C-alpha cells in the first residue's frame, strides 16, 4: 500500500486534513473532559439547563446535534467524495485493505454488543454505537507520538475511519430515521436534483450549493430522516476537479468548501458537540453499573471488537497476498493503530442520542460505555505505539 505520491503533494488537502484533525482531536479531548467535569460540579444545574433552553423551536442541544452537526456530516461527505474520486481511495486496489478492515471493524463490535444485550429490546437499539471510529480523536493521539508513526499508518487510519463513517451514515439513514413525512422529503429530493443540475451545468460558485443546501436541510429536518444526513447528500453534488498525481486544484469548488469549513468543524463545532454531549452526571451511578449490558457491550465492542476486526483483517489480507502492510511500518505498529480505531467518541455519541432518545438512563449508560471504551482504546493504542520500535529500530 504505497502512499508516497499522496503525502509528497506540496499542497495536499490530505496533509492539511491530517494536521487539522490531529490538532482538533486534542481540543476535542479537552472539551469532552470539560463537559464531564462541569456535569459533575456545582455548575451542573446551569449546564443541563442551558442545553435544554429553546430557541427557534429547538433546544440548544438540538441545534448543536441537528444543525451544527449537519456541517460535520457535510465535511464527512466531502472527504468521502474527494478520497473516492481523487485521493487515497480512488483505485479499487487502494480501497480493498481499508474497506474490508473498516467493514470488519463495524460488524464485530456490533455482534459483541448484540451478544451482551440479547433479550433487552431497548438495549438492542444501541447495536451500532460501537461501530464508528472518531478520526479527530484518533489522529489527536497519533499527534502526541510525533514522528514515531510513519505517514502510511496515518493514511491507513484516516481511510478506515472515513469508510466506517460512511457505513455509519448508511446505518443512521436505514435504522435510525423516524416515520417519514413524504412532502418535505420530496421537496428535499427536488433540491438535490437542482444541485445535481448545477453541477452538470458547470456552476462553480458555492452560493447555490450552500443556499439550496440550507433549504434541503430544513426539509430533511421536517421529513423524519435525521437532518444531518442532508449534509452528506449535499456534499455529493459539490463539483470536484480531478487532479491525479498533482497538487489539489485550489479552484475546485469541493476543495474550497472543504478547506473553508474544516477549521471551523475541527476546532469549534466538534469540540462544542463533545462538550455538550459528553457531560454525564455520575451521581446516580456506581462502579458495578459499568458492568450493565449497555455500557459493557459498548466498551467491549469499541475496545475488543474494533482491534480484533481491523487487525485480523489486515493481517489476513497481507498473508493471502491480496494487500500489503502499510509501508515503513511493523505489525506491532499496525496493531497499535487498530487499537486507536476503538476510539468511537463523536459518531458513537451521535448514534447513542438517536438510539436512546427518550430513554435517559440508557442514554447516560451508553455515554459511560463510550467514554470507557474510547479512553481504554486511546491509552492502550498510545502505549503500544510508544513502546514498540519502528522499522529502523527493529533492524
Protein backbone atom coordinates (compact mmCIF):
# COMPACT_ATOMS: atom_id res chain seq x y z
CA UNK A 1 0.00 0.00 0.00
CA UNK A 2 2.15 2.86 -1.25
CA UNK A 3 1.36 6.34 0.00
CA UNK A 4 4.39 8.28 -1.30
CA UNK A 5 2.60 10.08 -4.19
CA UNK A 6 -0.11 11.28 -1.84
CA UNK A 7 1.96 12.55 1.05
CA UNK A 8 4.52 14.21 -1.26
CA UNK A 9 1.98 16.64 -2.70
CA UNK A 10 3.21 20.09 -1.64
CA UNK A 11 -0.30 21.45 -1.10
CA UNK A 12 -2.08 18.17 -0.49
CA UNK A 13 -5.52 18.51 1.07
CA UNK A 14 -4.81 15.26 2.90
CA UNK A 15 -1.79 16.75 4.66
CA UNK A 16 -3.84 19.77 5.74
CA UNK A 17 -6.65 17.42 6.78
CA UNK A 18 -4.34 15.30 8.94
CA UNK A 19 -2.85 18.36 10.63
CA UNK A 20 -6.24 19.97 11.34
CA UNK A 21 -7.81 16.71 12.54
CA UNK A 22 -4.88 15.99 14.88
CA UNK A 23 -5.00 19.45 16.46
CA UNK A 24 -8.81 19.32 16.56
CA UNK A 25 -8.65 15.93 18.24
CA UNK A 26 -6.57 17.34 21.08
CA UNK A 27 -9.08 20.19 21.51
CA UNK A 28 -11.91 17.62 21.42
CA UNK A 29 -10.28 15.67 24.28
CA UNK A 30 -10.13 18.83 26.37
CA UNK A 31 -13.73 19.77 25.53
CA UNK A 32 -15.06 16.32 26.42
CA UNK A 33 -13.15 16.35 29.71
CA UNK A 34 -14.54 19.82 30.45
CA UNK A 35 -18.09 18.57 29.78
CA UNK A 36 -17.62 15.70 32.23
CA UNK A 37 -16.14 17.99 34.88
CA UNK A 38 -18.90 20.59 34.58
CA UNK A 39 -21.64 17.92 34.65
CA UNK A 40 -20.26 16.68 37.96
CA UNK A 41 -19.61 20.03 39.59
CA UNK A 42 -21.64 22.80 41.23
CA UNK A 43 -22.22 24.15 37.71
CA UNK A 44 -24.13 21.02 36.63
CA UNK A 45 -27.59 22.59 37.05
CA UNK A 46 -26.74 25.54 34.81
CA UNK A 47 -25.03 23.26 32.28
CA UNK A 48 -28.02 20.96 31.79
CA UNK A 49 -30.49 23.87 31.88
CA UNK A 50 -28.56 25.72 29.16
CA UNK A 51 -28.60 22.69 26.87
CA UNK A 52 -32.40 22.49 27.09
CA UNK A 53 -33.16 26.18 26.57
CA UNK A 54 -35.35 26.52 23.44
CA UNK A 55 -34.56 28.91 20.60
CA UNK A 56 -36.45 28.90 17.31
CA UNK A 57 -38.43 25.79 18.23
CA UNK A 58 -35.39 23.65 19.06
CA UNK A 59 -33.33 23.28 22.23
CA UNK A 60 -29.69 24.38 22.23
CA UNK A 61 -28.69 20.71 22.31
CA UNK A 62 -30.86 20.00 19.25
CA UNK A 63 -29.38 22.98 17.39
CA UNK A 64 -25.93 21.52 18.06
CA UNK A 65 -26.84 17.92 17.22
CA UNK A 66 -29.25 18.53 14.31
CA UNK A 67 -27.96 21.86 13.00
CA UNK A 68 -24.24 22.36 13.53
CA UNK A 69 -23.52 18.66 13.17
CA UNK A 70 -25.06 18.80 9.69
CA UNK A 71 -21.91 20.76 8.79
CA UNK A 72 -19.81 17.96 10.30
CA UNK A 73 -21.64 15.47 8.09
CA UNK A 74 -21.17 17.81 5.12
CA UNK A 75 -17.40 17.60 5.75
CA UNK A 76 -17.66 13.80 6.08
CA UNK A 77 -19.41 13.68 2.69
CA UNK A 78 -16.84 15.97 1.08
CA UNK A 79 -13.97 13.87 2.46
CA UNK A 80 -15.55 10.64 1.25
CA UNK A 81 -16.19 12.04 -2.24
CA UNK A 82 -12.67 13.51 -2.54
CA UNK A 83 -10.95 10.34 -1.38
CA UNK A 84 -13.08 8.09 -3.62
CA UNK A 85 -12.65 10.21 -6.75
CA UNK A 86 -9.24 11.85 -6.37
CA UNK A 87 -7.45 10.55 -3.30
CA UNK A 88 -6.24 7.59 -1.31
CA UNK A 89 -9.35 5.53 -2.21
CA UNK A 90 -9.58 6.43 -5.90
CA UNK A 91 -8.41 2.99 -7.13
CA UNK A 92 -10.04 -0.32 -6.26
CA UNK A 93 -6.75 -1.89 -5.07
CA UNK A 94 -6.34 1.03 -2.62
CA UNK A 95 -9.89 0.57 -1.35
CA UNK A 96 -9.53 -3.14 -0.58
CA UNK A 97 -7.44 -3.02 2.60
CA UNK A 98 -9.14 -0.11 4.44
CA UNK A 99 -12.55 -1.10 3.05
CA UNK A 100 -12.52 -4.69 4.29
CA UNK A 101 -10.85 -3.67 7.55
CA UNK A 102 -13.47 -0.97 8.17
CA UNK A 103 -16.27 -3.44 7.41
CA UNK A 104 -14.89 -5.95 9.91
CA UNK A 105 -14.42 -3.10 12.39
CA UNK A 106 -18.13 -2.30 12.11
CA UNK A 107 -19.56 -5.84 12.13
CA UNK A 108 -17.59 -7.39 15.01
CA UNK A 109 -18.26 -4.60 17.57
CA UNK A 110 -21.96 -4.72 16.66
CA UNK A 111 -22.05 -8.50 17.14
CA UNK A 112 -20.33 -8.20 20.52
CA UNK A 113 -22.83 -5.56 21.62
CA UNK A 114 -25.78 -7.68 20.44
CA UNK A 115 -24.42 -10.73 22.27
CA UNK A 116 -24.13 -8.77 25.54
CA UNK A 117 -27.56 -7.13 25.19
CA UNK A 118 -29.56 -10.04 23.78
CA UNK A 119 -33.05 -10.23 25.26
CA UNK A 120 -33.23 -6.48 26.03
CA UNK A 121 -35.31 -4.78 23.32
CA UNK A 122 -34.42 -1.26 24.45
CA UNK A 123 -30.75 -2.05 24.88
CA UNK A 124 -30.53 -3.66 21.44
CA UNK A 125 -31.39 -0.31 19.85
CA UNK A 126 -27.80 0.72 20.54
CA UNK A 127 -26.18 -2.03 18.46
CA UNK A 128 -24.49 0.46 16.10
CA UNK A 129 -22.98 2.68 18.83
CA UNK A 130 -19.56 0.95 18.88
CA UNK A 131 -19.38 0.76 15.07
CA UNK A 132 -17.62 4.05 14.24
CA UNK A 133 -14.10 5.46 14.68
CA UNK A 134 -13.50 9.07 15.69
CA UNK A 135 -10.96 10.39 13.16
CA UNK A 136 -10.12 13.56 15.08
CA UNK A 137 -9.66 11.87 18.44
CA UNK A 138 -7.53 9.03 16.99
CA UNK A 139 -5.32 11.38 14.97
CA UNK A 140 -5.00 13.60 18.04
CA UNK A 141 -3.47 10.65 19.89
CA UNK A 142 -1.13 9.97 16.95
CA UNK A 143 -0.09 13.63 17.01
CA UNK A 144 1.14 13.14 20.58
CA UNK A 145 3.54 10.48 19.25
CA UNK A 146 5.17 12.84 16.74
CA UNK A 147 7.49 11.34 14.13
CA UNK A 148 7.44 7.86 15.66
CA UNK A 149 4.49 6.96 13.41
CA UNK A 150 5.04 6.54 9.64
CA UNK A 151 2.78 8.55 7.34
CA UNK A 152 1.39 5.36 5.80
CA UNK A 153 -0.26 4.41 9.10
CA UNK A 154 -1.84 7.85 9.46
CA UNK A 155 -3.26 7.47 5.96
CA UNK A 156 -4.50 3.95 6.77
CA UNK A 157 -6.20 5.14 9.96
CA UNK A 158 -7.83 8.03 8.10
CA UNK A 159 -9.03 5.77 5.26
CA UNK A 160 -10.52 3.20 7.66
CA UNK A 161 -12.23 5.93 9.68
CA UNK A 162 -13.64 7.65 6.58
CA UNK A 163 -15.08 4.39 5.27
CA UNK A 164 -16.65 3.42 8.58
CA UNK A 165 -18.05 6.96 8.87
CA UNK A 166 -19.73 6.29 5.52
CA UNK A 167 -21.08 2.99 6.85
CA UNK A 168 -22.32 4.79 9.97
CA UNK A 169 -24.15 7.33 7.79
CA UNK A 170 -25.90 4.48 5.95
CA UNK A 171 -26.80 2.86 9.29
CA UNK A 172 -28.32 6.12 10.53
CA UNK A 173 -30.33 6.50 7.33
CA UNK A 174 -31.62 2.92 7.37
CA UNK A 175 -32.12 2.19 11.08
CA UNK A 176 -32.37 5.47 13.00
CA UNK A 177 -34.84 7.51 10.99
CA UNK A 178 -38.37 8.13 12.24
CA UNK A 179 -41.62 7.73 10.31
CA UNK A 180 -41.26 9.55 7.01
CA UNK A 181 -43.14 12.70 6.02
CA UNK A 182 -43.21 12.45 2.24
CA UNK A 183 -43.90 16.08 1.23
CA UNK A 184 -40.76 17.65 2.77
CA UNK A 185 -38.79 14.58 1.69
CA UNK A 186 -39.95 15.17 -1.90
CA UNK A 187 -39.01 18.84 -1.65
CA UNK A 188 -35.55 17.87 -0.38
CA UNK A 189 -35.24 15.49 -3.32
CA UNK A 190 -36.17 18.32 -5.68
CA UNK A 191 -33.46 20.46 -4.12
CA UNK A 192 -30.88 17.71 -4.67
CA UNK A 193 -31.95 17.40 -8.31
CA UNK A 194 -31.44 21.15 -8.64
CA UNK A 195 -27.93 20.90 -7.19
CA UNK A 196 -27.11 17.96 -9.46
CA UNK A 197 -28.17 20.08 -12.45
CA UNK A 198 -25.97 22.94 -11.20
CA UNK A 199 -23.07 20.53 -11.04
CA UNK A 200 -23.76 19.23 -14.54
CA UNK A 201 -24.07 22.78 -15.89
CA UNK A 202 -20.62 23.61 -14.54
CA UNK A 203 -21.73 26.03 -11.82
CA UNK A 204 -18.61 26.55 -9.70
CA UNK A 205 -19.89 29.25 -7.35
CA UNK A 206 -20.52 27.81 -3.89
CA UNK A 207 -23.52 30.02 -3.07
CA UNK A 208 -26.15 27.94 -4.95
CA UNK A 209 -24.93 24.79 -3.21
CA UNK A 210 -24.97 26.46 0.22
CA UNK A 211 -28.34 28.22 -0.13
CA UNK A 212 -30.17 25.27 -1.69
CA UNK A 213 -28.35 23.02 0.79
CA UNK A 214 -29.83 25.04 3.67
CA UNK A 215 -33.30 24.54 2.13
CA UNK A 216 -32.62 20.79 1.82
CA UNK A 217 -31.50 20.62 5.48
CA UNK A 218 -34.76 22.28 6.62
CA UNK A 219 -36.86 19.90 4.52
CA UNK A 220 -34.98 16.84 5.79
CA UNK A 221 -35.40 18.12 9.38
CA UNK A 222 -39.18 18.02 8.80
CA UNK A 223 -39.17 14.69 6.94
CA UNK A 224 -38.36 12.18 9.70
CA UNK A 225 -34.90 11.37 8.30
CA UNK A 226 -32.22 12.74 10.59
CA UNK A 227 -31.35 16.25 9.44
CA UNK A 228 -27.59 15.74 9.49
CA UNK A 229 -27.87 13.33 6.55
CA UNK A 230 -28.72 16.35 4.40
CA UNK A 231 -25.07 17.37 4.79
CA UNK A 232 -23.83 14.14 3.22
CA UNK A 233 -26.38 14.35 0.40
CA UNK A 234 -25.45 17.94 -0.45
CA UNK A 235 -21.72 17.07 -0.38
CA UNK A 236 -22.24 14.52 -3.14
CA UNK A 237 -23.41 17.30 -5.51
CA UNK A 238 -20.50 19.72 -4.95
CA UNK A 239 -18.22 19.72 -8.04
CA UNK A 240 -14.72 18.26 -7.80
CA UNK A 241 -11.98 18.69 -10.39
CA UNK A 242 -9.84 15.58 -10.52
CA UNK A 243 -6.09 16.22 -10.25
CA UNK A 244 -4.40 12.79 -10.15
CA UNK A 245 -0.71 12.92 -9.30
CA UNK A 246 -0.66 16.71 -8.91
CA UNK A 247 -1.42 19.15 -6.10
CA UNK A 248 -5.10 19.59 -5.28
CA UNK A 249 -6.82 22.13 -7.53
CA UNK A 250 -7.45 25.09 -5.26
CA UNK A 251 -10.11 26.38 -7.66
CA UNK A 252 -12.18 23.20 -7.30
CA UNK A 253 -15.47 24.03 -5.51
CA UNK A 254 -15.20 20.95 -3.31
CA UNK A 255 -11.65 21.87 -2.28
CA UNK A 256 -12.64 25.46 -1.49
CA UNK A 257 -15.64 24.40 0.58
CA UNK A 258 -13.75 21.72 2.50
CA UNK A 259 -10.75 24.00 3.06
CA UNK A 260 -13.01 26.81 4.29
CA UNK A 261 -15.18 24.71 6.59
CA UNK A 262 -12.69 22.26 8.01
CA UNK A 263 -11.03 24.52 10.63
CA UNK A 264 -14.46 25.57 11.96
CA UNK A 265 -15.56 21.93 12.18
CA UNK A 266 -12.34 20.64 13.76
CA UNK A 267 -11.68 23.49 16.17
CA UNK A 268 -15.19 24.66 17.10
CA UNK A 269 -18.20 22.53 16.11
CA UNK A 270 -16.92 19.05 17.03
CA UNK A 271 -15.43 20.23 20.36
CA UNK A 272 -18.73 22.01 21.12
CA UNK A 273 -20.58 18.78 20.34
CA UNK A 274 -18.19 16.91 22.64
CA UNK A 275 -18.68 19.42 25.45
CA UNK A 276 -22.49 19.29 25.11
CA UNK A 277 -22.79 15.51 24.79
CA UNK A 278 -20.01 14.08 26.97
CA UNK A 279 -21.41 15.64 30.13
CA UNK A 280 -22.79 12.74 32.17
CA UNK A 281 -23.67 13.14 35.83
CA UNK A 282 -22.15 10.26 37.76
CA UNK A 283 -24.24 10.89 40.86
CA UNK A 284 -26.70 8.12 40.04
CA UNK A 285 -24.08 5.56 39.01
CA UNK A 286 -21.92 3.17 40.98
CA UNK A 287 -18.88 1.24 39.73
CA UNK A 288 -20.89 -2.01 39.23
CA UNK A 289 -23.15 -0.10 36.79
CA UNK A 290 -20.32 -0.20 34.24
CA UNK A 291 -20.94 -3.96 34.02
CA UNK A 292 -24.56 -3.40 32.94
CA UNK A 293 -25.28 -4.69 29.40
CA UNK A 294 -25.42 -1.31 27.60
CA UNK A 295 -22.13 0.24 28.79
CA UNK A 296 -20.36 -3.14 28.86
CA UNK A 297 -21.46 -4.00 25.31
CA UNK A 298 -20.29 -0.62 24.01
CA UNK A 299 -16.96 -0.69 25.86
CA UNK A 300 -16.20 -4.27 24.75
CA UNK A 301 -17.32 -3.52 21.20
CA UNK A 302 -15.03 -0.50 20.93
CA UNK A 303 -12.00 -1.93 22.73
CA UNK A 304 -12.11 -5.63 21.77
CA UNK A 305 -14.27 -5.67 18.63
CA UNK A 306 -12.52 -2.86 16.78
CA UNK A 307 -8.97 -4.08 17.33
CA UNK A 308 -9.79 -7.70 16.55
CA UNK A 309 -11.83 -6.93 13.45
CA UNK A 310 -9.39 -4.43 11.93
CA UNK A 311 -6.05 -6.01 12.83
CA UNK A 312 -7.04 -9.59 11.95
CA UNK A 313 -8.41 -8.42 8.59
CA UNK A 314 -5.24 -6.51 7.67
CA UNK A 315 -3.08 -9.46 8.75
CA UNK A 316 -5.19 -11.98 6.81
CA UNK A 317 -5.25 -9.90 3.61
CA UNK A 318 -1.48 -9.50 3.84
CA UNK A 319 -0.93 -13.23 4.41
CA UNK A 320 -3.14 -14.05 1.42
CA UNK A 321 -1.17 -11.63 -0.75
CA UNK A 322 -4.25 -9.54 -1.55
CA UNK A 323 -2.85 -6.39 0.04
CA UNK A 324 0.40 -5.13 1.53
CA UNK A 325 1.12 -3.97 5.03
CA UNK A 326 1.44 -0.14 5.10
CA UNK A 327 4.96 0.88 4.08
CA UNK A 328 7.66 1.56 6.71
CA UNK A 329 5.50 0.03 9.46
CA UNK A 330 5.76 -3.04 11.70
CA UNK A 331 2.99 -5.40 12.75
CA UNK A 332 3.03 -4.11 16.35
CA UNK A 333 2.54 -0.58 14.97
CA UNK A 334 -0.39 -1.77 12.84
CA UNK A 335 -1.86 -3.35 15.99
CA UNK A 336 -1.46 -0.05 17.85
CA UNK A 337 -3.36 1.77 15.11
CA UNK A 338 -6.09 -0.91 15.22
CA UNK A 339 -6.41 -0.17 18.95
CA UNK A 340 -6.84 3.55 18.23
CA UNK A 341 -9.71 2.69 15.88
CA UNK A 342 -11.62 1.77 19.06
CA UNK A 343 -11.94 5.48 19.84
CA UNK A 344 -15.55 5.96 18.76
CA UNK A 345 -16.29 9.20 20.52
CA UNK A 346 -18.07 11.68 18.21
CA UNK A 347 -20.06 9.36 15.94
CA UNK A 348 -20.77 6.93 18.80
CA UNK A 349 -22.20 9.73 20.95
CA UNK A 350 -24.25 10.87 17.99
CA UNK A 351 -25.72 7.41 17.34
CA UNK A 352 -26.40 6.87 21.05
CA UNK A 353 -28.50 10.04 21.08
CA UNK A 354 -30.61 8.62 18.24
CA UNK A 355 -30.78 5.09 19.63
CA UNK A 356 -31.87 6.07 23.14
CA UNK A 357 -33.90 9.22 22.51
CA UNK A 358 -36.44 9.36 25.33
CA UNK A 359 -34.54 6.81 27.45
CA UNK A 360 -32.43 8.97 29.77
CA UNK A 361 -30.92 6.15 31.84
CA UNK A 362 -29.83 4.11 28.81
CA UNK A 363 -28.52 7.27 27.14
CA UNK A 364 -26.31 8.13 30.14
CA UNK A 365 -25.20 4.49 30.45
CA UNK A 366 -24.27 4.48 26.75
CA UNK A 367 -22.18 7.64 27.21
CA UNK A 368 -20.30 5.97 30.05
CA UNK A 369 -19.64 2.94 27.85
CA UNK A 370 -18.42 5.19 25.02
CA UNK A 371 -16.11 7.11 27.34
CA UNK A 372 -14.76 3.90 28.91
CA UNK A 373 -14.21 2.09 25.60
CA UNK A 374 -12.74 5.14 23.84
CA UNK A 375 -10.45 6.07 26.73
CA UNK A 376 -9.21 2.48 27.13
CA UNK A 377 -8.55 2.21 23.39
CA UNK A 378 -6.73 5.56 23.37
CA UNK A 379 -4.49 4.70 26.32
CA UNK A 380 -3.71 1.18 25.07
CA UNK A 381 -3.07 2.35 21.50
CA UNK A 382 -0.81 5.17 22.68
CA UNK A 383 1.12 2.81 24.99
CA UNK A 384 1.69 0.21 22.26
CA UNK A 385 2.82 2.80 19.69
CA UNK A 386 5.04 4.50 22.26
CA UNK A 387 6.76 1.27 23.32
CA UNK A 388 7.18 -0.75 20.13
CA UNK A 389 10.11 0.08 17.85
CA UNK A 390 9.65 1.36 14.32
CA UNK A 391 11.19 -0.15 11.20
CA UNK A 392 14.66 1.34 11.74
CA UNK A 393 14.79 0.38 15.40
CA UNK A 394 13.54 -3.13 14.59
CA UNK A 395 16.60 -3.72 12.39
